[in-house]
């Protein structure tokens, strides 16, 4: 089961600062794995709970948005 958790707006807002939202950025967290999934521009990326806690999620989102711009 997935839900829009309190951490999700932080991920969504960060993604929106990197690339204007031509399509909706949606983040959900899987209750079983605790992983986050960010869907944007027809793509999805997964951020683990460890990556979120360590702050590595920002580089993952940044890299994914750069790839989708090309």
PDB file of N, CA and C in Angstrom:
ATOM      1  N   UNK A   1       0.836  -1.175   0.000  1.00  0.00           N
ATOM      2  CA  UNK A   1       0.000   0.000   0.000  1.00  0.00           C
ATOM      3  C   UNK A   1       0.886   1.245   0.000  1.00  0.00           C
ATOM      4  N   UNK A   2       0.478   2.237  -0.774  1.00  0.00           N
ATOM      5  CA  UNK A   2       1.254   3.472  -0.870  1.00  0.00           C
ATOM      6  C   UNK A   2       0.397   4.647  -0.438  1.00  0.00           C
ATOM      7  N   UNK A   3       1.079   5.679   0.077  1.00  0.00           N
ATOM      8  CA  UNK A   3       0.373   6.864   0.541  1.00  0.00           C
ATOM      9  C   UNK A   3       1.258   8.089   0.360  1.00  0.00           C
ATOM     10  N   UNK A   4       0.615   9.238   0.303  1.00  0.00           N
ATOM     11  CA  UNK A   4       1.311  10.522   0.240  1.00  0.00           C
ATOM     12  C   UNK A   4       1.629  10.914   1.677  1.00  0.00           C
ATOM     13  N   UNK A   5       2.874  10.698   2.090  1.00  0.00           N
ATOM     14  CA  UNK A   5       3.287  10.928   3.475  1.00  0.00           C
ATOM     15  C   UNK A   5       3.816  12.344   3.660  1.00  0.00           C
ATOM     16  N   UNK A   6       4.038  12.767   4.903  1.00  0.00           N
ATOM     17  CA  UNK A   6       4.530  14.137   5.148  1.00  0.00           C
ATOM     18  C   UNK A   6       5.861  14.460   4.465  1.00  0.00           C
ATOM     19  N   UNK A   7       6.688  13.457   4.197  1.00  0.00           N
ATOM     20  CA  UNK A   7       7.969  13.705   3.535  1.00  0.00           C
ATOM     21  C   UNK A   7       7.801  13.984   2.039  1.00  0.00           C
ATOM     22  N   UNK A   8       6.712  13.491   1.467  1.00  0.00           N
ATOM     23  CA  UNK A   8       6.508  13.609   0.020  1.00  0.00           C
ATOM     24  C   UNK A   8       6.491  15.050  -0.496  1.00  0.00           C
ATOM     25  N   UNK A   9       5.826  15.981   0.164  1.00  0.00           N
ATOM     26  CA  UNK A   9       5.867  17.360  -0.353  1.00  0.00           C
ATOM     27  C   UNK A   9       7.285  17.930  -0.445  1.00  0.00           C
ATOM     28  N   UNK A  10       8.152  17.527   0.453  1.00  0.00           N
ATOM     29  CA  UNK A  10       9.538  17.983   0.416  1.00  0.00           C
ATOM     30  C   UNK A  10      10.213  17.502  -0.870  1.00  0.00           C
ATOM     31  N   UNK A  11       9.990  16.247  -1.225  1.00  0.00           N
ATOM     32  CA  UNK A  11      10.561  15.682  -2.443  1.00  0.00           C
ATOM     33  C   UNK A  11       9.942  16.345  -3.667  1.00  0.00           C
ATOM     34  N   UNK A  12       8.629  16.506  -3.674  1.00  0.00           N
ATOM     35  CA  UNK A  12       7.927  17.117  -4.803  1.00  0.00           C
ATOM     36  C   UNK A  12       8.371  18.568  -5.023  1.00  0.00           C
ATOM     37  N   UNK A  13       8.488  19.322  -3.949  1.00  0.00           N
ATOM     38  CA  UNK A  13       8.884  20.729  -4.063  1.00  0.00           C
ATOM     39  C   UNK A  13      10.312  20.862  -4.568  1.00  0.00           C
ATOM     40  N   UNK A  14      11.199  19.983  -4.109  1.00  0.00           N
ATOM     41  CA  UNK A  14      12.579  20.021  -4.575  1.00  0.00           C
ATOM     42  C   UNK A  14      12.628  19.728  -6.076  1.00  0.00           C
ATOM     43  N   UNK A  15      11.887  18.719  -6.524  1.00  0.00           N
ATOM     44  CA  UNK A  15      11.859  18.380  -7.947  1.00  0.00           C
ATOM     45  C   UNK A  15      11.329  19.555  -8.765  1.00  0.00           C
ATOM     46  N   UNK A  16      10.334  20.247  -8.243  1.00  0.00           N
ATOM     47  CA  UNK A  16       9.745  21.383  -8.962  1.00  0.00           C
ATOM     48  C   UNK A  16      10.734  22.542  -9.092  1.00  0.00           C
ATOM     49  N   UNK A  17      11.656  22.698  -8.142  1.00  0.00           N
ATOM     50  CA  UNK A  17      12.645  23.770  -8.251  1.00  0.00           C
ATOM     51  C   UNK A  17      13.683  23.466  -9.323  1.00  0.00           C
ATOM     52  N   UNK A  18      13.884  22.189  -9.610  1.00  0.00           N
ATOM     53  CA  UNK A  18      14.875  21.803 -10.604  1.00  0.00           C
ATOM     54  C   UNK A  18      14.331  21.878 -12.021  1.00  0.00           C
ATOM     55  N   UNK A  19      13.063  21.620 -12.136  1.00  0.00           N
ATOM     56  CA  UNK A  19      12.429  21.623 -13.459  1.00  0.00           C
ATOM     57  C   UNK A  19      10.984  22.052 -13.306  1.00  0.00           C
ATOM     58  N   UNK A  20      10.595  23.102 -14.001  1.00  0.00           N
ATOM     59  CA  UNK A  20       9.200  23.542 -13.905  1.00  0.00           C
ATOM     60  C   UNK A  20       8.248  22.391 -14.227  1.00  0.00           C
ATOM     61  N   UNK A  21       7.156  22.367 -13.520  1.00  0.00           N
ATOM     62  CA  UNK A  21       6.231  21.259 -13.641  1.00  0.00           C
ATOM     63  C   UNK A  21       5.366  21.396 -14.888  1.00  0.00           C
ATOM     64  N   UNK A  22       5.773  20.723 -15.962  1.00  0.00           N
ATOM     65  CA  UNK A  22       4.931  20.628 -17.145  1.00  0.00           C
ATOM     66  C   UNK A  22       3.948  19.485 -16.963  1.00  0.00           C
ATOM     67  N   UNK A  23       4.356  18.535 -16.169  1.00  0.00           N
ATOM     68  CA  UNK A  23       3.445  17.478 -15.752  1.00  0.00           C
ATOM     69  C   UNK A  23       3.610  17.329 -14.243  1.00  0.00           C
ATOM     70  N   UNK A  24       2.650  16.743 -13.624  1.00  0.00           N
ATOM     71  CA  UNK A  24       2.583  16.720 -12.173  1.00  0.00           C
ATOM     72  C   UNK A  24       3.655  15.833 -11.550  1.00  0.00           C
ATOM     73  N   UNK A  25       4.289  16.328 -10.513  1.00  0.00           N
ATOM     74  CA  UNK A  25       5.228  15.544  -9.718  1.00  0.00           C
ATOM     75  C   UNK A  25       4.429  14.912  -8.580  1.00  0.00           C
ATOM     76  N   UNK A  26       4.444  13.610  -8.499  1.00  0.00           N
ATOM     77  CA  UNK A  26       3.695  12.924  -7.454  1.00  0.00           C
ATOM     78  C   UNK A  26       4.617  11.974  -6.714  1.00  0.00           C
ATOM     79  N   UNK A  27       4.615  12.075  -5.415  1.00  0.00           N
ATOM     80  CA  UNK A  27       5.420  11.209  -4.570  1.00  0.00           C
ATOM     81  C   UNK A  27       4.496  10.367  -3.695  1.00  0.00           C
ATOM     82  N   UNK A  28       4.831   9.093  -3.604  1.00  0.00           N
ATOM     83  CA  UNK A  28       4.126   8.184  -2.701  1.00  0.00           C
ATOM     84  C   UNK A  28       5.149   7.360  -1.947  1.00  0.00           C
ATOM     85  N   UNK A  29       4.806   6.955  -0.726  1.00  0.00           N
ATOM     86  CA  UNK A  29       5.680   6.086   0.040  1.00  0.00           C
ATOM     87  C   UNK A  29       5.014   4.730   0.199  1.00  0.00           C
ATOM     88  N   UNK A  30       5.796   3.686  -0.054  1.00  0.00           N
ATOM     89  CA  UNK A  30       5.336   2.315   0.125  1.00  0.00           C
ATOM     90  C   UNK A  30       5.456   1.966   1.604  1.00  0.00           C
ATOM     91  N   UNK A  31       4.345   1.575   2.212  1.00  0.00           N
ATOM     92  CA  UNK A  31       4.363   1.275   3.645  1.00  0.00           C
ATOM     93  C   UNK A  31       5.197   0.046   3.981  1.00  0.00           C
ATOM     94  N   UNK A  32       5.290  -0.909   3.059  1.00  0.00           N
ATOM     95  CA  UNK A  32       6.044  -2.137   3.326  1.00  0.00           C
ATOM     96  C   UNK A  32       7.547  -1.913   3.245  1.00  0.00           C
ATOM     97  N   UNK A  33       8.007  -1.280   2.176  1.00  0.00           N
ATOM     98  CA  UNK A  33       9.446  -1.095   1.979  1.00  0.00           C
ATOM     99  C   UNK A  33       9.964   0.218   2.545  1.00  0.00           C
ATOM    100  N   UNK A  34       9.060   1.170   2.776  1.00  0.00           N
ATOM    101  CA  UNK A  34       9.397   2.537   3.219  1.00  0.00           C
ATOM    102  C   UNK A  34      10.066   3.351   2.122  1.00  0.00           C
ATOM    103  N   UNK A  35      10.130   2.810   0.882  1.00  0.00           N
ATOM    104  CA  UNK A  35      10.707   3.536  -0.244  1.00  0.00           C
ATOM    105  C   UNK A  35       9.720   4.570  -0.767  1.00  0.00           C
ATOM    106  N   UNK A  36      10.262   5.630  -1.334  1.00  0.00           N
ATOM    107  CA  UNK A  36       9.459   6.679  -1.955  1.00  0.00           C
ATOM    108  C   UNK A  36       9.540   6.509  -3.467  1.00  0.00           C
ATOM    109  N   UNK A  37       8.463   6.779  -4.155  1.00  0.00           N
ATOM    110  CA  UNK A  37       8.450   6.783  -5.609  1.00  0.00           C
ATOM    111  C   UNK A  37       7.994   8.161  -6.057  1.00  0.00           C
ATOM    112  N   UNK A  38       8.822   8.795  -6.877  1.00  0.00           N
ATOM    113  CA  UNK A  38       8.480  10.097  -7.431  1.00  0.00           C
ATOM    114  C   UNK A  38       8.168   9.898  -8.903  1.00  0.00           C
ATOM    115  N   UNK A  39       6.976  10.281  -9.303  1.00  0.00           N
ATOM    116  CA  UNK A  39       6.559  10.170 -10.696  1.00  0.00           C
ATOM    117  C   UNK A  39       6.511  11.562 -11.300  1.00  0.00           C
ATOM    118  N   UNK A  40       7.153  11.700 -12.458  1.00  0.00           N
ATOM    119  CA  UNK A  40       7.188  12.996 -13.129  1.00  0.00           C
ATOM    120  C   UNK A  40       7.521  12.785 -14.595  1.00  0.00           C
ATOM    121  N   UNK A  41       6.913  13.586 -15.435  1.00  0.00           N
ATOM    122  CA  UNK A  41       7.205  13.588 -16.869  1.00  0.00           C
ATOM    123  C   UNK A  41       7.197  12.181 -17.468  1.00  0.00           C
ATOM    124  N   UNK A  42       6.270  11.330 -17.027  1.00  0.00           N
ATOM    125  CA  UNK A  42       6.160   9.981 -17.553  1.00  0.00           C
ATOM    126  C   UNK A  42       7.201   9.005 -17.049  1.00  0.00           C
ATOM    127  N   UNK A  43       7.963   9.399 -16.064  1.00  0.00           N
ATOM    128  CA  UNK A  43       9.007   8.543 -15.489  1.00  0.00           C
ATOM    129  C   UNK A  43       8.742   8.357 -14.009  1.00  0.00           C
ATOM    130  N   UNK A  44       9.388   7.386 -13.435  1.00  0.00           N
ATOM    131  CA  UNK A  44       9.334   7.263 -11.981  1.00  0.00           C
ATOM    132  C   UNK A  44      10.714   6.886 -11.471  1.00  0.00           C
ATOM    133  N   UNK A  45      11.036   7.410 -10.311  1.00  0.00           N
ATOM    134  CA  UNK A  45      12.297   7.063  -9.653  1.00  0.00           C
ATOM    135  C   UNK A  45      11.976   6.625  -8.237  1.00  0.00           C
ATOM    136  N   UNK A  46      12.832   5.771  -7.719  1.00  0.00           N
ATOM    137  CA  UNK A  46      12.655   5.263  -6.364  1.00  0.00           C
ATOM    138  C   UNK A  46      13.756   5.815  -5.474  1.00  0.00           C
ATOM    139  N   UNK A  47      13.363   6.256  -4.310  1.00  0.00           N
ATOM    140  CA  UNK A  47      14.285   6.747  -3.288  1.00  0.00           C
ATOM    141  C   UNK A  47      14.071   5.871  -2.059  1.00  0.00           C
ATOM    142  N   UNK A  48      15.124   5.221  -1.602  1.00  0.00           N
ATOM    143  CA  UNK A  48      14.981   4.374  -0.422  1.00  0.00           C
ATOM    144  C   UNK A  48      14.894   5.239   0.831  1.00  0.00           C
ATOM    145  N   UNK A  49      14.406   4.654   1.895  1.00  0.00           N
ATOM    146  CA  UNK A  49      14.325   5.385   3.163  1.00  0.00           C
ATOM    147  C   UNK A  49      15.723   5.800   3.621  1.00  0.00           C
ATOM    148  N   UNK A  50      16.716   4.926   3.413  1.00  0.00           N
ATOM    149  CA  UNK A  50      18.098   5.245   3.790  1.00  0.00           C
ATOM    150  C   UNK A  50      18.623   6.441   2.993  1.00  0.00           C
ATOM    151  N   UNK A  51      18.338   6.468   1.683  1.00  0.00           N
ATOM    152  CA  UNK A  51      18.773   7.596   0.852  1.00  0.00           C
ATOM    153  C   UNK A  51      18.092   8.887   1.294  1.00  0.00           C
ATOM    154  N   UNK A  52      16.825   8.793   1.676  1.00  0.00           N
ATOM    155  CA  UNK A  52      16.123   9.984   2.156  1.00  0.00           C
ATOM    156  C   UNK A  52      16.746  10.470   3.459  1.00  0.00           C
ATOM    157  N   UNK A  53      16.973   9.553   4.389  1.00  0.00           N
ATOM    158  CA  UNK A  53      17.543   9.908   5.692  1.00  0.00           C
ATOM    159  C   UNK A  53      18.946  10.494   5.562  1.00  0.00           C
ATOM    160  N   UNK A  54      19.727   9.970   4.604  1.00  0.00           N
ATOM    161  CA  UNK A  54      21.106  10.425   4.416  1.00  0.00           C
ATOM    162  C   UNK A  54      21.217  11.716   3.612  1.00  0.00           C
ATOM    163  N   UNK A  55      20.106  12.131   2.990  1.00  0.00           N
ATOM    164  CA  UNK A  55      20.131  13.327   2.153  1.00  0.00           C
ATOM    165  C   UNK A  55      20.548  13.052   0.720  1.00  0.00           C
ATOM    166  N   UNK A  56      20.827  11.794   0.394  1.00  0.00           N
ATOM    167  CA  UNK A  56      21.242  11.434  -0.967  1.00  0.00           C
ATOM    168  C   UNK A  56      20.102  11.567  -1.967  1.00  0.00           C
ATOM    169  N   UNK A  57      18.876  11.648  -1.488  1.00  0.00           N
ATOM    170  CA  UNK A  57      17.707  11.720  -2.370  1.00  0.00           C
ATOM    171  C   UNK A  57      17.755  12.942  -3.272  1.00  0.00           C
ATOM    172  N   UNK A  58      18.338  14.037  -2.801  1.00  0.00           N
ATOM    173  CA  UNK A  58      18.384  15.247  -3.617  1.00  0.00           C
ATOM    174  C   UNK A  58      19.223  15.044  -4.874  1.00  0.00           C
ATOM    175  N   UNK A  59      20.343  14.358  -4.762  1.00  0.00           N
ATOM    176  CA  UNK A  59      21.179  14.096  -5.928  1.00  0.00           C
ATOM    177  C   UNK A  59      20.487  13.119  -6.878  1.00  0.00           C
ATOM    178  N   UNK A  60      19.752  12.165  -6.337  1.00  0.00           N
ATOM    179  CA  UNK A  60      19.004  11.212  -7.161  1.00  0.00           C
ATOM    180  C   UNK A  60      17.935  11.953  -7.974  1.00  0.00           C
ATOM    181  N   UNK A  61      17.199  12.840  -7.324  1.00  0.00           N
ATOM    182  CA  UNK A  61      16.169  13.617  -8.017  1.00  0.00           C
ATOM    183  C   UNK A  61      16.820  14.535  -9.044  1.00  0.00           C
ATOM    184  N   UNK A  62      17.906  15.184  -8.671  1.00  0.00           N
ATOM    185  CA  UNK A  62      18.607  16.096  -9.588  1.00  0.00           C
ATOM    186  C   UNK A  62      19.071  15.340 -10.834  1.00  0.00           C
ATOM    187  N   UNK A  63      19.688  14.200 -10.661  1.00  0.00           N
ATOM    188  CA  UNK A  63      20.163  13.400 -11.791  1.00  0.00           C
ATOM    189  C   UNK A  63      19.005  12.957 -12.684  1.00  0.00           C
ATOM    190  N   UNK A  64      17.921  12.536 -12.085  1.00  0.00           N
ATOM    191  CA  UNK A  64      16.772  12.073 -12.859  1.00  0.00           C
ATOM    192  C   UNK A  64      16.140  13.205 -13.659  1.00  0.00           C
ATOM    193  N   UNK A  65      16.077  14.396 -13.090  1.00  0.00           N
ATOM    194  CA  UNK A  65      15.478  15.510 -13.827  1.00  0.00           C
ATOM    195  C   UNK A  65      16.389  15.973 -14.946  1.00  0.00           C
ATOM    196  N   UNK A  66      17.702  15.880 -14.753  1.00  0.00           N
ATOM    197  CA  UNK A  66      18.633  16.241 -15.822  1.00  0.00           C
ATOM    198  C   UNK A  66      18.518  15.273 -16.985  1.00  0.00           C
ATOM    199  N   UNK A  67      18.390  14.006 -16.711  1.00  0.00           N
ATOM    200  CA  UNK A  67      18.239  12.998 -17.755  1.00  0.00           C
ATOM    201  C   UNK A  67      16.953  13.222 -18.528  1.00  0.00           C
ATOM    202  N   UNK A  68      15.867  13.571 -17.826  1.00  0.00           N
ATOM    203  CA  UNK A  68      14.592  13.748 -18.512  1.00  0.00           C
ATOM    204  C   UNK A  68      14.552  15.022 -19.338  1.00  0.00           C
ATOM    205  N   UNK A  69      15.481  15.954 -19.112  1.00  0.00           N
ATOM    206  CA  UNK A  69      15.520  17.174 -19.909  1.00  0.00           C
ATOM    207  C   UNK A  69      16.186  16.935 -21.258  1.00  0.00           C
ATOM    208  N   UNK A  70      17.013  15.917 -21.338  1.00  0.00           N
ATOM    209  CA  UNK A  70      17.746  15.641 -22.579  1.00  0.00           C
ATOM    210  C   UNK A  70      16.918  14.875 -23.564  1.00  0.00           C
TER     211      UNK A  70
END
